[in-house]
Protein backbone atom coordinates (compact mmCIF):
# COMPACT_ATOMS: atom_id res chain seq x y z
CA MET A 1 -27.70 66.38 -103.52
CA PHE A 2 -25.26 64.74 -105.81
CA THR A 3 -21.61 65.37 -106.63
CA GLY A 4 -21.34 64.32 -110.28
CA ILE A 5 -19.01 61.41 -109.53
CA VAL A 6 -20.71 58.52 -111.37
CA GLU A 7 -20.72 55.33 -109.29
CA GLU A 8 -21.50 52.96 -112.10
CA LEU A 9 -22.45 52.52 -115.77
CA GLY A 10 -26.02 51.14 -115.54
CA GLU A 11 -28.46 49.88 -118.27
CA VAL A 12 -32.06 50.53 -119.08
CA THR A 13 -33.87 47.24 -119.15
CA ALA A 14 -37.31 48.28 -119.85
CA VAL A 15 -39.28 51.32 -120.85
CA GLU A 16 -43.17 51.45 -120.35
CA ASN A 17 -45.09 54.32 -121.84
CA LEU A 18 -47.75 55.50 -119.46
CA GLY A 19 -49.23 58.21 -121.70
CA ASP A 20 -48.26 61.38 -119.81
CA SER A 21 -45.29 59.69 -118.31
CA SER A 22 -42.90 56.70 -118.59
CA ARG A 23 -41.83 53.99 -116.28
CA PHE A 24 -38.15 53.01 -116.44
CA ARG A 25 -36.60 49.79 -115.28
CA LEU A 26 -32.87 50.08 -114.64
CA ARG A 27 -30.05 47.69 -113.72
CA GLY A 28 -27.18 48.98 -111.40
CA PRO A 29 -25.79 46.60 -108.86
CA ALA A 30 -23.90 49.19 -107.02
CA VAL A 31 -26.67 51.78 -106.58
CA THR A 32 -29.23 49.26 -105.64
CA GLN A 33 -27.17 47.72 -102.86
CA ASP A 34 -29.01 49.84 -100.23
CA ALA A 35 -31.86 51.11 -102.33
CA ARG A 36 -35.36 51.60 -100.81
CA HIS A 37 -38.68 52.81 -101.96
CA GLY A 38 -38.53 56.64 -102.16
CA ASP A 39 -34.80 56.99 -102.49
CA SER A 40 -33.20 59.25 -105.09
CA ILE A 41 -30.89 58.02 -107.93
CA ALA A 42 -29.39 60.29 -110.57
CA VAL A 43 -29.89 58.76 -113.98
CA ASN A 44 -27.83 60.50 -116.52
CA GLY A 45 -27.88 63.52 -114.28
CA VAL A 46 -31.62 63.58 -113.54
CA CYS A 47 -32.80 62.90 -110.03
CA LEU A 48 -35.27 60.13 -110.08
CA THR A 49 -37.29 58.40 -107.28
CA VAL A 50 -37.11 54.71 -106.67
CA VAL A 51 -40.54 53.25 -107.10
CA GLU A 52 -39.78 49.54 -106.78
CA HIS A 53 -36.49 47.65 -106.09
CA GLU A 54 -35.67 44.00 -106.84
CA GLY A 55 -32.28 42.40 -107.02
CA ASP A 56 -29.96 44.69 -108.89
CA GLU A 57 -32.81 46.62 -110.57
CA PHE A 58 -35.00 49.45 -109.84
CA THR A 59 -37.98 51.27 -111.42
CA ALA A 60 -38.62 55.02 -111.60
CA ASP A 61 -41.46 57.18 -113.05
CA VAL A 62 -40.54 60.02 -115.27
CA MET A 63 -43.10 62.62 -115.97
CA ALA A 64 -43.63 64.39 -119.30
CA GLU A 65 -41.81 67.59 -118.05
CA THR A 66 -38.67 65.54 -117.45
CA LEU A 67 -39.04 63.80 -120.64
CA ASN A 68 -39.49 67.01 -122.60
CA ARG A 69 -36.56 68.85 -120.78
CA SER A 70 -33.94 66.08 -120.66
CA SER A 71 -32.59 63.28 -123.10
CA LEU A 72 -34.31 60.74 -120.94
CA GLY A 73 -37.04 60.50 -123.63
CA ALA A 74 -34.70 59.03 -126.06
CA LEU A 75 -33.68 56.19 -123.81
CA THR A 76 -34.66 52.69 -124.78
CA ALA A 77 -34.10 49.09 -123.54
CA GLY A 78 -30.39 48.51 -123.65
CA SER A 79 -29.38 52.20 -123.30
CA ARG A 80 -26.36 52.53 -121.01
CA VAL A 81 -26.88 55.31 -118.25
CA ASN A 82 -24.73 57.05 -115.70
CA LEU A 83 -25.79 56.17 -112.09
CA GLU A 84 -25.15 57.99 -108.82
CA ARG A 85 -26.71 57.85 -105.37
CA PRO A 86 -26.99 61.08 -103.26
CA THR A 87 -23.92 62.11 -101.38
CA ALA A 88 -24.01 61.12 -97.62
CA VAL A 89 -23.72 63.99 -95.16
CA GLY A 90 -19.92 64.14 -94.10
CA ALA A 91 -18.74 62.53 -97.29
CA ARG A 92 -15.94 64.07 -99.46
CA LEU A 93 -17.37 66.33 -102.23
CA GLY A 94 -15.26 64.97 -105.12
CA GLY A 95 -16.91 66.74 -107.81
CA HIS A 96 -19.22 69.86 -107.15
CA ILE A 97 -22.83 70.59 -105.96
CA VAL A 98 -25.16 68.84 -108.26
CA GLN A 99 -28.92 68.94 -107.84
CA GLY A 100 -29.95 66.46 -110.53
CA HIS A 101 -32.16 69.17 -111.97
CA VAL A 102 -31.38 69.35 -115.67
CA ASP A 103 -31.21 72.94 -117.00
CA GLY A 104 -31.04 72.01 -120.61
CA VAL A 105 -29.91 69.69 -123.39
CA GLY A 106 -26.67 69.87 -125.29
CA LYS A 107 -25.39 68.04 -128.26
CA ILE A 108 -22.09 66.39 -129.03
CA LEU A 109 -20.50 68.49 -131.71
CA ASP A 110 -16.93 67.08 -132.14
CA ARG A 111 -14.46 64.77 -130.48
CA GLU A 112 -10.76 65.19 -130.55
CA PRO A 113 -8.92 62.20 -129.17
CA SER A 114 -5.40 62.57 -127.86
CA GLU A 115 -2.93 60.12 -126.49
CA HIS A 116 -4.17 60.30 -122.92
CA TRP A 117 -7.35 62.27 -123.00
CA GLU A 118 -10.10 63.49 -125.30
CA ILE A 119 -11.53 66.94 -125.93
CA VAL A 120 -15.20 66.97 -126.49
CA LYS A 121 -17.09 69.88 -127.83
CA ILE A 122 -20.84 70.28 -126.56
CA SER A 123 -23.47 72.70 -127.86
CA LEU A 124 -24.69 75.12 -125.20
CA PRO A 125 -28.22 76.61 -125.25
CA ALA A 126 -28.20 80.38 -125.32
CA ASP A 127 -29.99 80.84 -122.04
CA LEU A 128 -27.39 78.82 -120.24
CA ALA A 129 -24.15 80.59 -121.60
CA ARG A 130 -23.95 83.06 -118.93
CA TYR A 131 -23.55 80.45 -116.39
CA VAL A 132 -20.62 78.68 -118.05
CA VAL A 133 -17.01 79.95 -117.68
CA ASP A 134 -13.52 78.75 -118.42
CA LYS A 135 -12.34 76.40 -115.67
CA GLY A 136 -15.81 76.43 -114.05
CA SER A 137 -17.89 73.33 -113.14
CA ILE A 138 -20.68 71.98 -115.37
CA THR A 139 -22.60 68.70 -115.19
CA VAL A 140 -22.87 66.62 -118.49
CA ASP A 141 -25.04 63.55 -118.29
CA GLY A 142 -24.64 63.70 -114.48
CA ILE A 143 -20.69 63.83 -114.72
CA SER A 144 -19.06 66.63 -112.85
CA LEU A 145 -16.64 68.18 -115.45
CA THR A 146 -14.40 71.17 -115.71
CA VAL A 147 -15.06 73.56 -118.57
CA VAL A 148 -11.88 73.91 -120.76
CA GLU A 149 -13.20 76.81 -122.99
CA ALA A 150 -16.54 78.52 -122.95
CA CYS A 151 -17.43 79.86 -126.32
CA SER A 152 -20.48 81.29 -128.01
CA GLY A 153 -22.88 78.41 -128.55
CA HIS A 154 -20.67 75.82 -127.17
CA PHE A 155 -18.09 74.72 -124.71
CA THR A 156 -15.42 72.10 -124.32
CA VAL A 157 -14.43 69.57 -121.72
CA SER A 158 -11.32 67.42 -121.38
CA LEU A 159 -12.06 63.65 -120.61
CA ILE A 160 -9.54 61.54 -118.81
CA PRO A 161 -9.25 57.69 -119.42
CA THR A 162 -11.30 56.85 -116.41
CA THR A 163 -14.09 59.11 -117.42
CA LEU A 164 -14.11 57.67 -121.09
CA ALA A 165 -13.98 54.11 -119.60
CA LEU A 166 -16.63 54.34 -116.86
CA THR A 167 -19.23 56.62 -118.13
CA THR A 168 -21.56 57.22 -121.14
CA LEU A 169 -19.27 59.81 -122.49
CA GLY A 170 -16.87 57.03 -123.68
CA ASN A 171 -19.42 56.01 -126.23
CA LYS A 172 -21.23 59.08 -127.17
CA GLN A 173 -20.93 60.21 -130.70
CA ARG A 174 -21.46 63.37 -132.79
CA GLY A 175 -25.07 64.35 -132.76
CA ASP A 176 -25.88 62.47 -129.45
CA LEU A 177 -27.69 64.45 -126.81
CA VAL A 178 -26.61 65.02 -123.20
CA ASN A 179 -28.15 66.68 -120.15
CA LEU A 180 -26.59 69.74 -118.83
CA GLU A 181 -26.90 71.23 -115.39
CA VAL A 182 -24.98 74.51 -114.68
CA ASP A 183 -23.49 75.50 -111.52
CA ILE A 184 -26.29 76.27 -108.95
CA ILE A 185 -23.97 78.86 -107.16
CA ALA A 186 -23.92 81.00 -110.38
CA LYS A 187 -27.75 80.96 -110.66
CA TYR A 188 -28.10 82.08 -106.96
CA VAL A 189 -25.67 84.69 -107.29
CA GLU A 190 -27.43 85.94 -110.25
CA ARG A 191 -30.86 86.07 -108.55
CA LEU A 192 -29.45 87.92 -105.47
CA LEU A 193 -27.74 90.60 -107.67
CA ALA A 194 -30.97 91.00 -109.73
CA GLY A 195 -32.84 91.69 -106.45
CA GLN A 196 -30.38 94.24 -105.30
CA GLU A 197 -30.60 96.05 -108.63
CA ALA A 198 -34.43 96.09 -108.26
CA GLU A 199 -34.21 97.57 -104.83
CA LYS A 200 -32.20 100.49 -106.10
C-alpha cells in the first residue's frame, strides 16, 4: 500500500522491449536505499516489482496489460517519473490509501498558473466519473491530490509549489497523459451497495 506522497523524482535510464512486456531500468537514489529483489515501488502510480537492484538503479518488468492500461508505455530513456516505496506499518498516512493499481488514463487539458499555486484540468474517463467528487481524493501519476472540482468529463486539482517542484506534474504539458487511481473506498462502497440491492 502507498499513500501518494512522492519520495523522489526519478528517471528512466533504459527501456527494453521484450515482446509481450518491457523491462524498465530506473534511477532513484532514495527508493533504492533499502531495495531488495521482490520489493514494490510505485512508478508514476503503478506498483512495480523490483527484479534487480544495483547502486541507485533498479529494474522492473512491466507486462502488456499494464503498458496498455497506463501511461508507462509512453516512457522512454530520460523520462522523469514519480517514485514511492510502500508505506511502513505504523507510519503516518500523509496522503490517502493508494494501491498502485491504475484505473484509467487522463490527459492534461489546461493549466492556469497563479502566484502561489496552479490549477490543472485533467480529462476523466466516463467510467471513473462516479468515483470523483469535489474535495475528494484522487491519485494522479502516483500523487495524492484533492479534487477541486469534479465536472462532466474532467476534474481540476490545485498544485502547491512543492508539488510542482518535486513531481512530474511540474513539467507536464497540455496533451500529456497521466495515470489515474480513484479512491478505493468509493469502489468498495459501490460494490457493497450493489450487493444489497441484488439481495432485495
